Amino acid sequence: MSKELNLASPSGKELRLARSLSNIETAKDHGVQRSLMRSVFIVITCTTAMLINTYNTTSVCISLPTIEKDLAIEDDQLQWLVSAYSLSSGCLLLFFGRLADLYGRKRAFICGILCQAAFSLGCGFAQDPLTLAVLRGFQGIGSAAIIPSALGILAHAFPQSKARSIAFATFAAGAPVGGAFGMLMGGVLTQLTSTHWRSIFYTAAATSALTAVSGLISFDADVPSEELVKRIDWIGASLITIGLILIIFVLGQGEIASDGWKTPYIIAFLIIGIIMVALFLVWEWRLERILDENPSRATSMWTPPPLMSLSLWTRAKGRMAVILVIALLNWSAFTGWSFWVQLYYQNYLFLTPVETMVRFIPMCIVGCLCTFFVAMVAAKLPLVIFIVSGLLLTATAAILFALIDPFVTYWAFCFPSTVLIVFGVDFVYTAGTIFVAKTSHPHEQSVAGALFQTMTQIGTAFGLTISTIVFNTVVDNESAKLGVTVNANTHAPMSAQLVGYKDAQWTSAAFALMGALLAALFLHSVGIVGHEKVIRHVDSDETMAVRPESNGTAIAK
């Protein structure tokens, strides 16, 4: 049954629907005829940006022991070289996603990648721990601008479902492949080059610069935003940024603070962070409600369009929220798996960085093969199949390490686990980003992509925090059984460490299994995520299929 819009006296919801339909037609009008080669380079450029993003984390992780010795960094400060990047990149995603939607995704991408190149180069020349940590934070700001812009660019450049499935599958593969690439290059450059750990930053700077050139040449020109009011919600941006910074800081610092989670500033920061996020949600709800009731108030400086419409979470009858929670759980599992596998190789088996990185080579190879597989079947399988199977594969990868026997060959447990983790991440990330792109309105696709990516960043901090708590608790308990008290001067027995590594992997498996249960319960009726005929755009809790008619009009069901 068609739904007619009363444009004589439009409500805010009707205006948003009309604007969405207008944006769909505008996107068609701005359709660009490009060569196949140029389309390929658009995908390659965006995927390379995702690869650099994860490379910037894993390459530093594997070189931390060398950086610690070279710059004489204390153990409790070492984690900031990783956390500073995650803090800035994860907490500014929504803000930069909004900027990209308003002022141009190509412009935001190029500015972000050049920022990343400049500060990566600066990291390579850093001479003290504080300078390096600060530069890592600025390096992460570039990533916060790049990723949501890239998602918006791909969604706009490939409106057809088959091409979009291929583009998003390739982009998603950039995450695990970039993680493996970071470990590979980090191990090789740190151990075999004359500049050691500094080489990983020089490589990131050079790759970022080349990616900027490729983006300038291959990306379509920015399409002007059709939004009537191009104003930034600075209050909302401040609230969510401060709130996420405090929460992610606490998740990273709580376990290593002087008195652990009982440390006063940890408790205070956690409470303030939660309050800030709650105030952000209330503020966004207020803005959206005001504009729904009286759209003319959008001209007031105190009622800008919301940074993130809360109705975005309710799209597709709440399934958008389910996808976002699953993204958090999946990334918690993947990050936990990667972190503890790396430590197991270096701190338990005492492998060198190069010997460690060799064991991650299958991730690069399988990541490339997985891209083709996902692209071929995305338009043939229901969303629930993708999500559930991906999460089960992630859980299986973690369980293999949870059951590992250190005395058996690499091929028995480590190799199959390394292969399966890539399929798991690629399935969930690809299906999730395609669903988000199809469910969000054209004018908010970078914000929607930023929200998805923000949930993965929170998942990174959450997964590492929970698994670290499990590891430390288990190691202390196992050591106590052996009559050993673990402190700064005493290492835990190797048998206790092995139990800790295994239980940390059980924790990662639990995250993935919880995500699989959510998907099975709430996504079973979604259908095929890469379907050619239906484009879903949703206002509030209604699902409307928008399809072009022969006369050029669109009907909202």
Foldseek 3Di string as FASTA:
>chain_A
DFDDAPVVDHFLLSVVVVLLQVVVLLLVVPADDDDPVLLVLLLVLLLLLLLLLLLQQQLCVLQLVVVCVQQVDDPLLSCLLRLLLLLLQLLCQLVLLLVCLAPHLLVLQLVLLLQLLVLLLVLLVDRHSVSNSVSSNSNSNSSSSNQLSSLLQLCSNPVFLLSSLLSLLSSLLSNLLSNLVSLQCSQCQQPPPPSHNSVSSNVSSVSSVVSSVSSVPRGDGGDHNPDPFSDGPVLLSVLSSLLSSLQLVLLVNQCPPPVHVPPVVSVVSNVSSVVSVVVSVVQLQVLSVCCRHPVVCCVPPSRPHRSDRPLLCCFQNRVLVLLLLLLLLLLLLLLLLSVLLLCCVCVQVVDGSNVSSVLLVLSNVLSVVLSVVSSVCLQPDALLVLQLQLLQLSLQLLLLLLPDDVPDDCVPRSNSSSNSNSSSSSSSSSLSSLLQSLAERSSSSSSSSSSSVSSSSNSNSNSVSVLVVQLVVQQQVVQVVVVDHDDPVDDGDSVSNSNSSSVSSNSSSVSSVVSSVSSVVPRPPVTRSSHRAWRWYGGRNDIWTWGADPVGRITTD
